[in-house]
Amino acid sequence: MSVIRGAQARLSETPGGVMTTFASPTQGGASQSLWKVQAKPGAEGPVHDFDVEQVWHWVDGAATVELGGETHSVAAGDTVVMPARTIRRVLADPEHGYTAVVTASGQARATGSDGAEFGVPPWIA
């Protein structure tokens, strides 16, 4: 058993927001990763894919999720199961952004929409 204290949470920042890693293979030795996404208002995530399923739960704000050719509006309290190998993009609410908690395998590898290999993002590793 590992106890990961709040002060040990790892922050990763991108132009669109901040990811806070709570548990991962390099943070507590977990096989699953758990992180929080705090997206800035109007942030547009990249068009990309993962080789594993991800589960996103919105705790604040709202977003538009483009997933497998469909578009979904989500808000606090909503959960989206994103299947593996399904092109996706998350667009933050233009006024408020969003906060979501996400989980996936700690080995989740990202690829671009063109198939370019991005590897395991730092907030998942």
N, C-alpha and C. Protein backbone atom coordinates (compact mmCIF):
# COMPACT_ATOMS: atom_id res chain seq x y z
N MET A 1 0.84 -1.19 0.00
CA MET A 1 0.00 0.00 0.00
C MET A 1 0.88 1.24 0.00
N SER A 2 0.48 2.21 -0.79
CA SER A 2 1.17 3.49 -0.82
C SER A 2 0.21 4.59 -0.39
N VAL A 3 0.70 5.50 0.40
CA VAL A 3 -0.05 6.71 0.74
C VAL A 3 0.68 7.87 0.09
N ILE A 4 -0.03 8.56 -0.77
CA ILE A 4 0.56 9.70 -1.47
C ILE A 4 -0.10 10.95 -0.90
N ARG A 5 0.66 11.73 -0.23
CA ARG A 5 0.15 12.94 0.42
C ARG A 5 -0.14 14.03 -0.60
N GLY A 6 -1.08 14.90 -0.27
CA GLY A 6 -1.44 15.98 -1.17
C GLY A 6 -0.26 16.82 -1.62
N ALA A 7 0.68 17.04 -0.72
CA ALA A 7 1.86 17.85 -1.05
C ALA A 7 2.76 17.15 -2.06
N GLN A 8 2.56 15.83 -2.26
CA GLN A 8 3.38 15.07 -3.21
C GLN A 8 2.79 15.05 -4.61
N ALA A 9 1.61 15.61 -4.80
CA ALA A 9 1.00 15.62 -6.13
C ALA A 9 1.94 16.32 -7.11
N ARG A 10 2.03 15.75 -8.30
CA ARG A 10 2.95 16.27 -9.31
C ARG A 10 2.16 17.12 -10.32
N LEU A 11 2.67 18.30 -10.63
CA LEU A 11 2.03 19.21 -11.58
C LEU A 11 2.73 19.16 -12.92
N SER A 12 1.92 19.11 -13.98
CA SER A 12 2.43 19.20 -15.36
C SER A 12 1.61 20.29 -16.03
N GLU A 13 2.28 21.26 -16.62
CA GLU A 13 1.57 22.37 -17.24
C GLU A 13 1.75 22.34 -18.75
N THR A 14 0.64 22.59 -19.46
CA THR A 14 0.66 22.72 -20.92
C THR A 14 0.05 24.09 -21.24
N PRO A 15 0.09 24.52 -22.49
CA PRO A 15 -0.53 25.80 -22.81
C PRO A 15 -2.02 25.87 -22.47
N GLY A 16 -2.70 24.71 -22.44
CA GLY A 16 -4.13 24.70 -22.18
C GLY A 16 -4.54 24.55 -20.74
N GLY A 17 -3.61 24.18 -19.85
CA GLY A 17 -4.01 23.99 -18.47
C GLY A 17 -2.97 23.27 -17.65
N VAL A 18 -3.43 22.76 -16.50
CA VAL A 18 -2.54 22.10 -15.55
C VAL A 18 -3.11 20.72 -15.23
N MET A 19 -2.25 19.70 -15.26
CA MET A 19 -2.60 18.36 -14.85
C MET A 19 -1.92 18.09 -13.51
N THR A 20 -2.67 17.60 -12.55
CA THR A 20 -2.15 17.25 -11.23
C THR A 20 -2.23 15.74 -11.09
N THR A 21 -1.08 15.07 -11.00
CA THR A 21 -1.04 13.62 -10.88
C THR A 21 -1.14 13.23 -9.42
N PHE A 22 -2.13 12.38 -9.11
CA PHE A 22 -2.33 11.89 -7.75
C PHE A 22 -1.68 10.53 -7.54
N ALA A 23 -1.74 9.66 -8.56
CA ALA A 23 -1.13 8.33 -8.49
C ALA A 23 -0.78 7.90 -9.90
N SER A 24 0.34 7.17 -10.02
CA SER A 24 0.81 6.69 -11.32
C SER A 24 1.93 5.68 -11.07
N PRO A 25 2.47 5.06 -12.10
CA PRO A 25 3.58 4.13 -11.88
C PRO A 25 4.77 4.79 -11.19
N THR A 26 5.03 6.07 -11.47
CA THR A 26 6.16 6.75 -10.83
C THR A 26 5.74 7.55 -9.60
N GLN A 27 4.47 7.51 -9.28
CA GLN A 27 3.94 8.23 -8.11
C GLN A 27 3.14 7.23 -7.29
N GLY A 28 3.80 6.50 -6.43
CA GLY A 28 3.15 5.52 -5.58
C GLY A 28 3.16 4.11 -6.13
N GLY A 29 3.72 3.92 -7.34
CA GLY A 29 3.81 2.58 -7.91
C GLY A 29 2.49 2.00 -8.38
N ALA A 30 1.51 2.82 -8.67
CA ALA A 30 0.20 2.35 -9.11
C ALA A 30 0.24 1.88 -10.56
N SER A 31 -0.56 0.87 -10.89
CA SER A 31 -0.64 0.44 -12.28
C SER A 31 -1.62 1.33 -13.07
N GLN A 32 -2.56 1.93 -12.36
CA GLN A 32 -3.49 2.90 -12.94
C GLN A 32 -3.01 4.30 -12.58
N SER A 33 -3.27 5.24 -13.46
CA SER A 33 -2.96 6.64 -13.15
C SER A 33 -4.26 7.38 -12.85
N LEU A 34 -4.15 8.34 -11.95
CA LEU A 34 -5.27 9.18 -11.59
C LEU A 34 -4.77 10.61 -11.56
N TRP A 35 -5.43 11.48 -12.33
CA TRP A 35 -4.99 12.87 -12.39
C TRP A 35 -6.18 13.80 -12.57
N LYS A 36 -5.93 15.08 -12.27
CA LYS A 36 -6.92 16.14 -12.42
C LYS A 36 -6.47 17.03 -13.55
N VAL A 37 -7.43 17.42 -14.40
CA VAL A 37 -7.16 18.37 -15.48
C VAL A 37 -7.90 19.66 -15.13
N GLN A 38 -7.17 20.76 -15.10
CA GLN A 38 -7.77 22.08 -14.92
C GLN A 38 -7.48 22.85 -16.21
N ALA A 39 -8.49 22.91 -17.07
CA ALA A 39 -8.33 23.55 -18.38
C ALA A 39 -8.72 25.01 -18.31
N LYS A 40 -7.91 25.83 -18.93
CA LYS A 40 -8.17 27.26 -18.99
C LYS A 40 -9.39 27.54 -19.86
N PRO A 41 -10.10 28.63 -19.60
CA PRO A 41 -11.23 28.98 -20.47
C PRO A 41 -10.81 29.04 -21.93
N GLY A 42 -11.59 28.38 -22.79
CA GLY A 42 -11.32 28.39 -24.22
C GLY A 42 -10.20 27.48 -24.68
N ALA A 43 -9.57 26.75 -23.78
CA ALA A 43 -8.46 25.86 -24.18
C ALA A 43 -8.97 24.79 -25.13
N GLU A 44 -8.17 24.51 -26.14
CA GLU A 44 -8.50 23.47 -27.12
C GLU A 44 -7.42 22.41 -27.08
N GLY A 45 -7.78 21.23 -26.56
CA GLY A 45 -6.83 20.12 -26.54
C GLY A 45 -6.51 19.67 -27.95
N PRO A 46 -5.41 18.96 -28.12
CA PRO A 46 -5.04 18.49 -29.45
C PRO A 46 -5.93 17.33 -29.91
N VAL A 47 -6.02 17.17 -31.21
CA VAL A 47 -6.67 15.99 -31.76
C VAL A 47 -5.68 14.84 -31.59
N HIS A 48 -6.07 13.80 -30.86
CA HIS A 48 -5.15 12.72 -30.55
C HIS A 48 -5.91 11.44 -30.22
N ASP A 49 -5.17 10.42 -29.83
CA ASP A 49 -5.73 9.12 -29.52
C ASP A 49 -4.91 8.50 -28.40
N PHE A 50 -5.45 7.49 -27.74
CA PHE A 50 -4.73 6.69 -26.75
C PHE A 50 -4.94 5.23 -27.06
N ASP A 51 -3.99 4.41 -26.64
CA ASP A 51 -4.09 2.97 -26.88
C ASP A 51 -4.86 2.25 -25.78
N VAL A 52 -5.39 2.98 -24.81
CA VAL A 52 -6.17 2.40 -23.71
C VAL A 52 -7.40 3.27 -23.45
N GLU A 53 -8.36 2.68 -22.77
CA GLU A 53 -9.55 3.42 -22.36
C GLU A 53 -9.19 4.46 -21.31
N GLN A 54 -9.86 5.59 -21.35
CA GLN A 54 -9.77 6.62 -20.32
C GLN A 54 -11.18 6.91 -19.81
N VAL A 55 -11.29 7.22 -18.52
CA VAL A 55 -12.56 7.64 -17.95
C VAL A 55 -12.38 9.04 -17.40
N TRP A 56 -13.18 9.97 -17.89
CA TRP A 56 -13.13 11.37 -17.47
C TRP A 56 -14.41 11.70 -16.70
N HIS A 57 -14.25 12.41 -15.58
CA HIS A 57 -15.41 12.87 -14.80
C HIS A 57 -15.24 14.37 -14.55
N TRP A 58 -16.23 15.14 -14.99
CA TRP A 58 -16.18 16.60 -14.82
C TRP A 58 -16.68 16.98 -13.44
N VAL A 59 -15.87 17.79 -12.73
CA VAL A 59 -16.25 18.24 -11.39
C VAL A 59 -16.58 19.73 -11.36
N ASP A 60 -16.20 20.44 -12.41
CA ASP A 60 -16.48 21.88 -12.46
C ASP A 60 -16.41 22.33 -13.92
N GLY A 61 -17.17 23.36 -14.24
CA GLY A 61 -17.12 23.93 -15.59
C GLY A 61 -17.81 23.04 -16.61
N ALA A 62 -17.40 23.22 -17.87
CA ALA A 62 -18.04 22.51 -18.97
C ALA A 62 -17.06 22.38 -20.13
N ALA A 63 -17.39 21.48 -21.04
CA ALA A 63 -16.52 21.25 -22.20
C ALA A 63 -17.33 20.66 -23.34
N THR A 64 -16.72 20.67 -24.50
CA THR A 64 -17.22 19.94 -25.65
C THR A 64 -16.22 18.84 -25.93
N VAL A 65 -16.72 17.62 -25.99
CA VAL A 65 -15.86 16.46 -26.25
C VAL A 65 -16.15 15.97 -27.66
N GLU A 66 -15.12 15.97 -28.49
CA GLU A 66 -15.20 15.38 -29.82
C GLU A 66 -14.60 13.99 -29.69
N LEU A 67 -15.41 12.97 -29.95
CA LEU A 67 -14.98 11.60 -29.71
C LEU A 67 -15.51 10.69 -30.81
N GLY A 68 -14.59 10.13 -31.59
CA GLY A 68 -14.98 9.19 -32.62
C GLY A 68 -15.95 9.75 -33.64
N GLY A 69 -15.81 11.02 -33.97
CA GLY A 69 -16.68 11.63 -34.97
C GLY A 69 -17.98 12.19 -34.42
N GLU A 70 -18.21 12.04 -33.12
CA GLU A 70 -19.40 12.61 -32.48
C GLU A 70 -18.99 13.74 -31.55
N THR A 71 -19.92 14.66 -31.30
CA THR A 71 -19.66 15.79 -30.41
C THR A 71 -20.63 15.74 -29.24
N HIS A 72 -20.08 15.90 -28.03
CA HIS A 72 -20.88 15.83 -26.81
C HIS A 72 -20.60 17.05 -25.94
N SER A 73 -21.65 17.68 -25.44
CA SER A 73 -21.50 18.76 -24.46
C SER A 73 -21.57 18.12 -23.08
N VAL A 74 -20.59 18.44 -22.23
CA VAL A 74 -20.53 17.88 -20.88
C VAL A 74 -20.35 19.00 -19.87
N ALA A 75 -20.77 18.72 -18.64
CA ALA A 75 -20.66 19.70 -17.55
C ALA A 75 -20.42 18.96 -16.24
N ALA A 76 -20.24 19.71 -15.18
CA ALA A 76 -19.99 19.13 -13.87
C ALA A 76 -21.01 18.03 -13.57
N GLY A 77 -20.50 16.88 -13.11
CA GLY A 77 -21.34 15.74 -12.82
C GLY A 77 -21.39 14.71 -13.92
N ASP A 78 -20.94 15.07 -15.13
CA ASP A 78 -20.96 14.15 -16.27
C ASP A 78 -19.68 13.34 -16.33
N THR A 79 -19.79 12.11 -16.83
CA THR A 79 -18.65 11.21 -17.01
C THR A 79 -18.64 10.73 -18.44
N VAL A 80 -17.45 10.67 -19.03
CA VAL A 80 -17.28 10.18 -20.39
C VAL A 80 -16.27 9.04 -20.38
N VAL A 81 -16.68 7.90 -20.92
CA VAL A 81 -15.77 6.78 -21.11
C VAL A 81 -15.25 6.89 -22.54
N MET A 82 -13.94 7.13 -22.66
CA MET A 82 -13.31 7.29 -23.97
C MET A 82 -12.63 5.98 -24.34
N PRO A 83 -13.17 5.26 -25.32
CA PRO A 83 -12.59 3.98 -25.69
C PRO A 83 -11.17 4.13 -26.26
N ALA A 84 -10.40 3.07 -26.14
CA ALA A 84 -9.08 3.05 -26.75
C ALA A 84 -9.21 3.20 -28.26
N ARG A 85 -8.17 3.76 -28.85
CA ARG A 85 -8.07 3.89 -30.30
C ARG A 85 -9.28 4.60 -30.91
N THR A 86 -9.66 5.68 -30.25
CA THR A 86 -10.76 6.51 -30.73
C THR A 86 -10.28 7.96 -30.71
N ILE A 87 -10.20 8.58 -31.87
CA ILE A 87 -9.72 9.96 -31.97
C ILE A 87 -10.61 10.86 -31.12
N ARG A 88 -9.93 11.75 -30.37
CA ARG A 88 -10.66 12.63 -29.46
C ARG A 88 -10.01 14.00 -29.37
N ARG A 89 -10.83 14.94 -28.90
CA ARG A 89 -10.35 16.29 -28.55
C ARG A 89 -11.33 16.86 -27.54
N VAL A 90 -10.80 17.58 -26.56
CA VAL A 90 -11.64 18.20 -25.53
C VAL A 90 -11.43 19.71 -25.61
N LEU A 91 -12.54 20.42 -25.74
CA LEU A 91 -12.52 21.88 -25.84
C LEU A 91 -13.17 22.47 -24.60
N ALA A 92 -12.45 23.30 -23.89
CA ALA A 92 -12.95 23.89 -22.64
C ALA A 92 -13.98 24.97 -22.91
N ASP A 93 -14.92 25.08 -21.98
CA ASP A 93 -15.90 26.16 -22.02
C ASP A 93 -15.16 27.49 -22.17
N PRO A 94 -15.60 28.35 -23.11
CA PRO A 94 -14.87 29.59 -23.36
C PRO A 94 -14.86 30.58 -22.21
N GLU A 95 -15.83 30.50 -21.31
CA GLU A 95 -15.88 31.45 -20.20
C GLU A 95 -15.31 30.90 -18.90
N HIS A 96 -15.51 29.61 -18.64
CA HIS A 96 -15.17 29.06 -17.33
C HIS A 96 -14.12 27.96 -17.35
N GLY A 97 -13.81 27.40 -18.51
CA GLY A 97 -12.90 26.26 -18.54
C GLY A 97 -13.55 25.05 -17.89
N TYR A 98 -12.76 24.13 -17.39
CA TYR A 98 -13.31 22.98 -16.68
C TYR A 98 -12.26 22.35 -15.78
N THR A 99 -12.75 21.55 -14.85
CA THR A 99 -11.92 20.68 -14.04
C THR A 99 -12.50 19.29 -14.16
N ALA A 100 -11.63 18.32 -14.48
CA ALA A 100 -12.06 16.93 -14.60
C ALA A 100 -11.05 16.03 -13.89
N VAL A 101 -11.52 14.91 -13.38
CA VAL A 101 -10.66 13.88 -12.82
C VAL A 101 -10.66 12.72 -13.82
N VAL A 102 -9.46 12.20 -14.10
CA VAL A 102 -9.30 11.21 -15.17
C VAL A 102 -8.52 10.02 -14.65
N THR A 103 -8.86 8.83 -15.16
CA THR A 103 -8.09 7.64 -14.85
C THR A 103 -7.87 6.82 -16.12
N ALA A 104 -6.72 6.16 -16.15
CA ALA A 104 -6.35 5.29 -17.27
C ALA A 104 -5.17 4.44 -16.83
N SER A 105 -4.81 3.48 -17.64
CA SER A 105 -3.61 2.69 -17.38
C SER A 105 -2.40 3.60 -17.28
N GLY A 106 -1.50 3.27 -16.38
CA GLY A 106 -0.27 4.04 -16.23
C GLY A 106 0.69 3.86 -17.40
N GLN A 107 0.35 3.00 -18.34
CA GLN A 107 1.16 2.78 -19.53
C GLN A 107 0.52 3.39 -20.78
N ALA A 108 -0.50 4.22 -20.61
CA ALA A 108 -1.26 4.79 -21.72
C ALA A 108 -0.35 5.59 -22.66
N ARG A 109 -0.36 5.21 -23.92
CA ARG A 109 0.47 5.88 -24.91
C ARG A 109 -0.42 6.69 -25.86
N ALA A 110 -0.01 7.94 -26.05
CA ALA A 110 -0.76 8.85 -26.92
C ALA A 110 -0.17 8.85 -28.33
N THR A 111 -1.05 9.05 -29.29
CA THR A 111 -0.63 9.24 -30.68
C THR A 111 -1.39 10.42 -31.26
N GLY A 112 -0.81 11.01 -32.28
CA GLY A 112 -1.49 12.09 -32.98
C GLY A 112 -2.52 11.54 -33.94
N SER A 113 -3.35 12.40 -34.46
CA SER A 113 -4.38 11.95 -35.40
C SER A 113 -3.75 11.39 -36.67
N ASP A 114 -2.49 11.74 -36.93
CA ASP A 114 -1.77 11.23 -38.10
C ASP A 114 -0.99 9.95 -37.78
N GLY A 115 -1.12 9.45 -36.54
CA GLY A 115 -0.42 8.24 -36.13
C GLY A 115 0.94 8.49 -35.51
N ALA A 116 1.37 9.74 -35.44
CA ALA A 116 2.67 10.06 -34.83
C ALA A 116 2.65 9.64 -33.36
N GLU A 117 3.71 9.00 -32.92
CA GLU A 117 3.83 8.49 -31.55
C GLU A 117 4.25 9.61 -30.60
N PHE A 118 3.44 9.88 -29.56
CA PHE A 118 3.77 10.87 -28.55
C PHE A 118 4.31 10.23 -27.27
N GLY A 119 4.02 8.95 -27.06
CA GLY A 119 4.47 8.26 -25.86
C GLY A 119 3.53 8.46 -24.69
N VAL A 120 4.03 8.16 -23.49
CA VAL A 120 3.25 8.29 -22.26
C VAL A 120 3.41 9.71 -21.74
N PRO A 121 2.31 10.48 -21.63
CA PRO A 121 2.42 11.84 -21.13
C PRO A 121 2.94 11.86 -19.68
N PRO A 122 3.62 12.93 -19.29
CA PRO A 122 4.22 13.00 -17.95
C PRO A 122 3.20 12.90 -16.82
N TRP A 123 1.97 13.32 -17.02
CA TRP A 123 0.97 13.25 -15.95
C TRP A 123 0.40 11.84 -15.80
N ILE A 124 0.68 10.95 -16.76
CA ILE A 124 0.22 9.57 -16.68
C ILE A 124 1.34 8.65 -16.19
N ALA A 125 2.59 8.99 -16.53
CA ALA A 125 3.75 8.14 -16.19
C ALA A 125 3.96 8.01 -14.70
